[in-house]
N, C-alpha and C. Protein backbone atom coordinates (compact mmCIF):
# COMPACT_ATOMS: atom_id res chain seq x y z
N SER A 1 -9.35 -22.10 1.94
CA SER A 1 -8.41 -21.96 3.05
C SER A 1 -8.46 -20.54 3.58
N SER A 2 -8.13 -20.40 4.82
CA SER A 2 -8.21 -19.08 5.42
C SER A 2 -6.98 -18.26 5.07
N GLY A 3 -7.11 -16.97 5.18
CA GLY A 3 -6.02 -16.08 4.84
C GLY A 3 -5.13 -15.81 6.04
N ILE A 4 -4.05 -15.14 5.77
CA ILE A 4 -3.04 -14.84 6.78
C ILE A 4 -2.94 -13.33 6.93
N ASN A 5 -2.82 -12.87 8.16
CA ASN A 5 -2.60 -11.46 8.43
C ASN A 5 -1.21 -11.30 9.01
N ALA A 6 -0.45 -10.34 8.51
CA ALA A 6 0.92 -10.16 8.99
C ALA A 6 1.14 -8.73 9.45
N GLU A 7 1.50 -8.59 10.71
CA GLU A 7 2.01 -7.32 11.17
C GLU A 7 3.51 -7.45 11.05
N TYR A 8 4.04 -6.85 10.02
CA TYR A 8 5.42 -7.09 9.71
C TYR A 8 6.30 -5.97 10.23
N GLY A 9 6.87 -6.18 11.38
CA GLY A 9 7.84 -5.22 11.87
C GLY A 9 7.27 -3.85 12.14
N GLU A 10 6.12 -3.77 12.78
CA GLU A 10 5.58 -2.46 13.11
C GLU A 10 6.51 -1.74 14.07
N ASN A 11 6.67 -0.43 13.83
CA ASN A 11 7.45 0.44 14.71
C ASN A 11 8.88 -0.05 14.90
N ASN A 12 9.49 -0.49 13.82
CA ASN A 12 10.90 -0.81 13.82
C ASN A 12 11.61 0.21 12.94
N LYS A 13 12.71 -0.17 12.35
CA LYS A 13 13.45 0.76 11.51
C LYS A 13 13.64 0.17 10.11
N LEU A 14 12.66 -0.63 9.70
CA LEU A 14 12.78 -1.31 8.41
C LEU A 14 12.78 -0.31 7.26
N GLU A 15 13.69 -0.53 6.31
CA GLU A 15 13.73 0.29 5.10
C GLU A 15 13.20 -0.47 3.89
N SER A 16 12.96 -1.77 4.08
CA SER A 16 12.37 -2.59 3.02
C SER A 16 11.71 -3.80 3.66
N LEU A 17 11.04 -4.60 2.85
CA LEU A 17 10.43 -5.83 3.33
C LEU A 17 11.06 -6.99 2.57
N PRO A 18 11.18 -8.16 3.19
CA PRO A 18 11.87 -9.28 2.55
C PRO A 18 11.08 -9.86 1.37
N ASP A 19 11.81 -10.26 0.33
CA ASP A 19 11.19 -10.86 -0.84
C ASP A 19 10.44 -12.15 -0.48
N GLU A 20 10.83 -12.79 0.64
CA GLU A 20 10.19 -14.04 1.05
C GLU A 20 8.70 -13.86 1.34
N LEU A 21 8.27 -12.63 1.55
CA LEU A 21 6.83 -12.40 1.77
C LEU A 21 6.00 -12.90 0.59
N SER A 22 6.60 -12.91 -0.60
CA SER A 22 5.85 -13.37 -1.79
C SER A 22 5.49 -14.85 -1.68
N ASN A 23 6.17 -15.60 -0.77
CA ASN A 23 5.86 -17.01 -0.58
C ASN A 23 4.59 -17.22 0.24
N VAL A 24 4.12 -16.17 0.89
CA VAL A 24 2.90 -16.25 1.70
C VAL A 24 1.73 -15.96 0.77
N CYS A 25 1.27 -17.01 0.09
CA CYS A 25 0.36 -16.80 -1.04
C CYS A 25 -1.01 -16.29 -0.63
N ARG A 26 -1.43 -16.52 0.60
CA ARG A 26 -2.77 -16.07 0.99
C ARG A 26 -2.71 -14.93 2.00
N LEU A 27 -1.72 -14.08 1.84
CA LEU A 27 -1.59 -12.94 2.74
C LEU A 27 -2.71 -11.94 2.45
N LEU A 28 -3.55 -11.67 3.45
CA LEU A 28 -4.70 -10.77 3.27
C LEU A 28 -4.43 -9.37 3.80
N THR A 29 -3.72 -9.28 4.92
CA THR A 29 -3.42 -7.99 5.53
C THR A 29 -1.93 -7.89 5.78
N LEU A 30 -1.35 -6.79 5.33
CA LEU A 30 0.06 -6.54 5.59
C LEU A 30 0.18 -5.17 6.24
N SER A 31 0.73 -5.15 7.44
CA SER A 31 0.95 -3.89 8.15
C SER A 31 2.42 -3.74 8.46
N ALA A 32 2.99 -2.65 7.98
CA ALA A 32 4.39 -2.33 8.27
C ALA A 32 4.47 -0.85 8.59
N SER A 33 3.62 -0.43 9.51
CA SER A 33 3.55 0.99 9.88
C SER A 33 4.67 1.35 10.83
N GLY A 34 5.03 2.63 10.84
CA GLY A 34 6.02 3.12 11.78
C GLY A 34 7.42 2.65 11.48
N ASN A 35 7.77 2.58 10.20
CA ASN A 35 9.11 2.17 9.81
C ASN A 35 9.77 3.28 9.00
N ARG A 36 10.75 2.90 8.18
CA ARG A 36 11.48 3.89 7.38
C ARG A 36 11.36 3.60 5.89
N LEU A 37 10.24 3.02 5.50
CA LEU A 37 10.03 2.72 4.08
C LEU A 37 9.93 4.03 3.31
N THR A 38 10.64 4.12 2.18
CA THR A 38 10.57 5.31 1.34
C THR A 38 9.73 5.08 0.10
N LYS A 39 9.36 3.82 -0.13
CA LYS A 39 8.48 3.46 -1.25
C LYS A 39 7.72 2.22 -0.86
N ILE A 40 6.68 1.91 -1.62
CA ILE A 40 5.96 0.67 -1.39
C ILE A 40 6.88 -0.46 -1.86
N PRO A 41 7.25 -1.38 -0.97
CA PRO A 41 8.23 -2.40 -1.32
C PRO A 41 7.80 -3.24 -2.52
N PRO A 42 8.73 -3.51 -3.45
CA PRO A 42 8.38 -4.26 -4.67
C PRO A 42 7.69 -5.59 -4.42
N VAL A 43 8.02 -6.28 -3.32
CA VAL A 43 7.42 -7.58 -3.03
C VAL A 43 5.90 -7.47 -2.90
N VAL A 44 5.40 -6.29 -2.55
CA VAL A 44 3.95 -6.10 -2.40
C VAL A 44 3.22 -6.41 -3.70
N GLY A 45 3.86 -6.14 -4.83
CA GLY A 45 3.24 -6.38 -6.12
C GLY A 45 2.93 -7.83 -6.41
N SER A 46 3.54 -8.75 -5.67
CA SER A 46 3.30 -10.18 -5.89
C SER A 46 2.21 -10.73 -4.98
N LEU A 47 1.62 -9.87 -4.15
CA LEU A 47 0.62 -10.32 -3.17
C LEU A 47 -0.78 -10.15 -3.74
N GLN A 48 -1.16 -11.06 -4.61
CA GLN A 48 -2.39 -10.89 -5.39
C GLN A 48 -3.67 -11.01 -4.58
N PHE A 49 -3.60 -11.60 -3.37
CA PHE A 49 -4.81 -11.74 -2.55
C PHE A 49 -4.90 -10.66 -1.47
N LEU A 50 -3.92 -9.77 -1.44
CA LEU A 50 -3.86 -8.77 -0.37
C LEU A 50 -5.09 -7.87 -0.38
N ASN A 51 -5.77 -7.78 0.77
CA ASN A 51 -6.93 -6.90 0.91
C ASN A 51 -6.56 -5.57 1.56
N ASP A 52 -5.69 -5.62 2.56
CA ASP A 52 -5.35 -4.42 3.33
C ASP A 52 -3.85 -4.22 3.35
N LEU A 53 -3.41 -3.07 2.85
CA LEU A 53 -2.00 -2.69 2.89
C LEU A 53 -1.89 -1.44 3.76
N LEU A 54 -1.29 -1.61 4.94
CA LEU A 54 -1.23 -0.53 5.93
C LEU A 54 0.22 -0.12 6.14
N LEU A 55 0.54 1.05 5.61
CA LEU A 55 1.92 1.55 5.67
C LEU A 55 1.95 2.96 6.26
N PHE A 56 1.21 3.14 7.35
CA PHE A 56 1.15 4.45 8.01
C PHE A 56 2.53 4.81 8.59
N ASN A 57 2.76 6.09 8.75
CA ASN A 57 3.93 6.57 9.50
C ASN A 57 5.25 6.01 8.97
N ASN A 58 5.44 6.15 7.68
CA ASN A 58 6.71 5.80 7.05
C ASN A 58 7.25 7.05 6.36
N LYS A 59 8.08 6.87 5.36
CA LYS A 59 8.67 8.01 4.64
C LYS A 59 8.43 7.86 3.14
N ILE A 60 7.29 7.26 2.80
CA ILE A 60 6.98 6.96 1.40
C ILE A 60 6.68 8.26 0.66
N SER A 61 7.43 8.48 -0.43
CA SER A 61 7.29 9.74 -1.15
C SER A 61 6.62 9.58 -2.52
N SER A 62 6.43 8.34 -2.97
CA SER A 62 5.74 8.14 -4.25
C SER A 62 5.09 6.75 -4.27
N ILE A 63 4.11 6.61 -5.15
CA ILE A 63 3.40 5.35 -5.33
C ILE A 63 3.73 4.82 -6.72
N ASP A 64 4.35 3.65 -6.76
CA ASP A 64 4.70 3.02 -8.03
C ASP A 64 3.57 2.08 -8.43
N MET A 65 2.84 2.45 -9.47
CA MET A 65 1.71 1.63 -9.89
C MET A 65 2.16 0.30 -10.50
N ASP A 66 3.43 0.19 -10.93
CA ASP A 66 3.93 -1.10 -11.40
C ASP A 66 3.94 -2.10 -10.24
N VAL A 67 4.14 -1.60 -9.03
CA VAL A 67 4.10 -2.45 -7.83
C VAL A 67 2.65 -2.63 -7.38
N LEU A 68 1.96 -1.53 -7.14
CA LEU A 68 0.62 -1.58 -6.59
C LEU A 68 -0.37 -2.25 -7.54
N GLY A 69 -0.11 -2.17 -8.82
CA GLY A 69 -1.00 -2.76 -9.82
C GLY A 69 -1.13 -4.27 -9.70
N GLY A 70 -0.16 -4.91 -9.03
CA GLY A 70 -0.24 -6.35 -8.82
C GLY A 70 -1.20 -6.75 -7.73
N CYS A 71 -1.69 -5.76 -7.00
CA CYS A 71 -2.58 -6.01 -5.85
C CYS A 71 -4.04 -5.83 -6.27
N GLN A 72 -4.51 -6.69 -7.13
CA GLN A 72 -5.85 -6.50 -7.69
C GLN A 72 -6.97 -6.83 -6.72
N SER A 73 -6.65 -7.35 -5.53
CA SER A 73 -7.68 -7.63 -4.52
C SER A 73 -7.73 -6.55 -3.44
N LEU A 74 -6.89 -5.51 -3.61
CA LEU A 74 -6.74 -4.51 -2.55
C LEU A 74 -8.04 -3.74 -2.30
N ILE A 75 -8.42 -3.66 -1.02
CA ILE A 75 -9.62 -2.94 -0.61
C ILE A 75 -9.26 -1.68 0.18
N VAL A 76 -8.28 -1.82 1.08
CA VAL A 76 -7.85 -0.70 1.93
C VAL A 76 -6.38 -0.41 1.70
N LEU A 77 -6.09 0.85 1.37
CA LEU A 77 -4.71 1.31 1.20
C LEU A 77 -4.46 2.40 2.23
N GLY A 78 -3.65 2.09 3.23
CA GLY A 78 -3.38 3.04 4.31
C GLY A 78 -2.01 3.66 4.16
N LEU A 79 -1.98 4.92 3.76
CA LEU A 79 -0.72 5.63 3.54
C LEU A 79 -0.68 6.95 4.31
N SER A 80 -1.40 7.03 5.41
CA SER A 80 -1.40 8.26 6.21
C SER A 80 -0.01 8.52 6.79
N ASN A 81 0.29 9.79 6.96
CA ASN A 81 1.54 10.22 7.59
C ASN A 81 2.78 9.68 6.90
N ASN A 82 2.84 9.97 5.60
CA ASN A 82 4.02 9.67 4.81
C ASN A 82 4.49 10.98 4.16
N ARG A 83 5.17 10.89 3.03
CA ARG A 83 5.71 12.09 2.38
C ARG A 83 5.21 12.22 0.95
N LEU A 84 4.00 11.76 0.72
CA LEU A 84 3.43 11.80 -0.63
C LEU A 84 3.08 13.22 -1.04
N LYS A 85 3.43 13.56 -2.28
CA LYS A 85 3.05 14.87 -2.83
C LYS A 85 1.97 14.72 -3.88
N GLU A 86 1.88 13.51 -4.47
CA GLU A 86 0.85 13.27 -5.49
C GLU A 86 0.45 11.81 -5.48
N ILE A 87 -0.73 11.57 -6.04
CA ILE A 87 -1.28 10.22 -6.17
C ILE A 87 -1.43 9.94 -7.67
N PRO A 88 -0.89 8.81 -8.16
CA PRO A 88 -1.01 8.55 -9.60
C PRO A 88 -2.45 8.24 -10.01
N GLY A 89 -2.84 8.74 -11.17
CA GLY A 89 -4.19 8.47 -11.67
C GLY A 89 -4.48 6.99 -11.83
N GLY A 90 -3.43 6.21 -12.07
CA GLY A 90 -3.58 4.77 -12.26
C GLY A 90 -4.15 4.05 -11.06
N ILE A 91 -4.22 4.73 -9.93
CA ILE A 91 -4.75 4.09 -8.72
C ILE A 91 -6.21 3.67 -8.94
N SER A 92 -6.87 4.30 -9.88
CA SER A 92 -8.26 3.94 -10.17
C SER A 92 -8.37 2.58 -10.86
N SER A 93 -7.24 2.01 -11.28
CA SER A 93 -7.27 0.68 -11.90
C SER A 93 -7.43 -0.43 -10.86
N LEU A 94 -7.31 -0.08 -9.59
CA LEU A 94 -7.52 -1.07 -8.53
C LEU A 94 -9.03 -1.22 -8.33
N GLN A 95 -9.58 -2.27 -8.90
CA GLN A 95 -11.03 -2.39 -9.04
C GLN A 95 -11.79 -2.53 -7.73
N HIS A 96 -11.15 -3.06 -6.69
CA HIS A 96 -11.86 -3.34 -5.45
C HIS A 96 -11.58 -2.32 -4.35
N ILE A 97 -10.74 -1.35 -4.66
CA ILE A 97 -10.33 -0.39 -3.62
C ILE A 97 -11.55 0.38 -3.12
N ARG A 98 -11.66 0.49 -1.81
CA ARG A 98 -12.78 1.21 -1.20
C ARG A 98 -12.30 2.33 -0.29
N ILE A 99 -11.15 2.13 0.36
CA ILE A 99 -10.65 3.12 1.31
C ILE A 99 -9.19 3.43 1.00
N ILE A 100 -8.89 4.70 0.80
CA ILE A 100 -7.51 5.16 0.63
C ILE A 100 -7.28 6.23 1.70
N GLN A 101 -6.41 5.94 2.63
CA GLN A 101 -6.14 6.87 3.73
C GLN A 101 -4.86 7.65 3.42
N LEU A 102 -5.02 8.96 3.31
CA LEU A 102 -3.91 9.80 2.84
C LEU A 102 -3.64 11.00 3.74
N ASP A 103 -4.29 11.07 4.90
CA ASP A 103 -4.09 12.23 5.76
C ASP A 103 -2.64 12.28 6.24
N GLY A 104 -2.17 13.48 6.52
CA GLY A 104 -0.81 13.65 7.02
C GLY A 104 0.26 13.53 5.95
N ASN A 105 -0.11 13.82 4.69
CA ASN A 105 0.86 13.87 3.60
C ASN A 105 0.96 15.31 3.09
N SER A 106 1.69 15.52 2.03
CA SER A 106 1.86 16.87 1.47
C SER A 106 1.20 16.96 0.11
N LEU A 107 0.00 16.41 0.01
CA LEU A 107 -0.70 16.39 -1.28
C LEU A 107 -1.19 17.78 -1.64
N THR A 108 -1.01 18.13 -2.92
CA THR A 108 -1.51 19.41 -3.41
C THR A 108 -2.75 19.22 -4.27
N ALA A 109 -2.95 18.00 -4.77
CA ALA A 109 -4.12 17.71 -5.60
C ALA A 109 -4.37 16.22 -5.60
N LEU A 110 -5.57 15.82 -5.99
CA LEU A 110 -5.91 14.41 -6.15
C LEU A 110 -6.28 14.18 -7.61
N PRO A 111 -5.95 13.01 -8.15
CA PRO A 111 -6.29 12.75 -9.56
C PRO A 111 -7.79 12.69 -9.76
N GLU A 112 -8.23 13.25 -10.88
CA GLU A 112 -9.65 13.30 -11.19
C GLU A 112 -10.28 11.91 -11.19
N GLU A 113 -9.49 10.90 -11.60
CA GLU A 113 -10.00 9.53 -11.68
C GLU A 113 -10.55 9.03 -10.34
N LEU A 114 -10.01 9.54 -9.24
CA LEU A 114 -10.47 9.10 -7.93
C LEU A 114 -11.94 9.41 -7.71
N PHE A 115 -12.41 10.47 -8.32
CA PHE A 115 -13.79 10.91 -8.09
C PHE A 115 -14.78 10.20 -9.01
N ASN A 116 -14.24 9.43 -9.96
CA ASN A 116 -15.10 8.72 -10.89
C ASN A 116 -15.17 7.22 -10.60
N MET A 117 -14.57 6.80 -9.49
CA MET A 117 -14.55 5.38 -9.15
C MET A 117 -15.90 4.97 -8.57
N SER A 118 -16.36 3.80 -9.00
CA SER A 118 -17.66 3.35 -8.48
C SER A 118 -17.49 2.26 -7.46
C-alpha cells in the first residue's frame, strides 16, 4: 500500500501534535514547520514507517531519543532554525538516517558518533 504524507499545520501556532497521528500507520512524511513546538512531539515515536520528519522553524530546544528512537525508518530529519544547543549521541542509532538538517541552531559541538555513521 502507498504511504501518506502529512503537512500538519504548517505555519500555525501549534505547541504539540495530536496523539491521533499514531493511527496513521503508513505516514511517510510529517511536516509541522513554522509552529511553536518546543520538543519533538511524543506521538512521533509511534510512527515506525516515517521517512521524513520536517520540523523547521520551531522552538525545539532538545532531542529526546526515547521519542526519536521509535522512528527506525527515518531518512531525513529537518530541525533547522530551532533552539538546539546539542545533539544526542544516540542519534547514530537511527540506522537509515541520511540527512540531518541543523542550520540555524545554537550548536556548540556535534557528537563524535555522527562522523562514524555509514
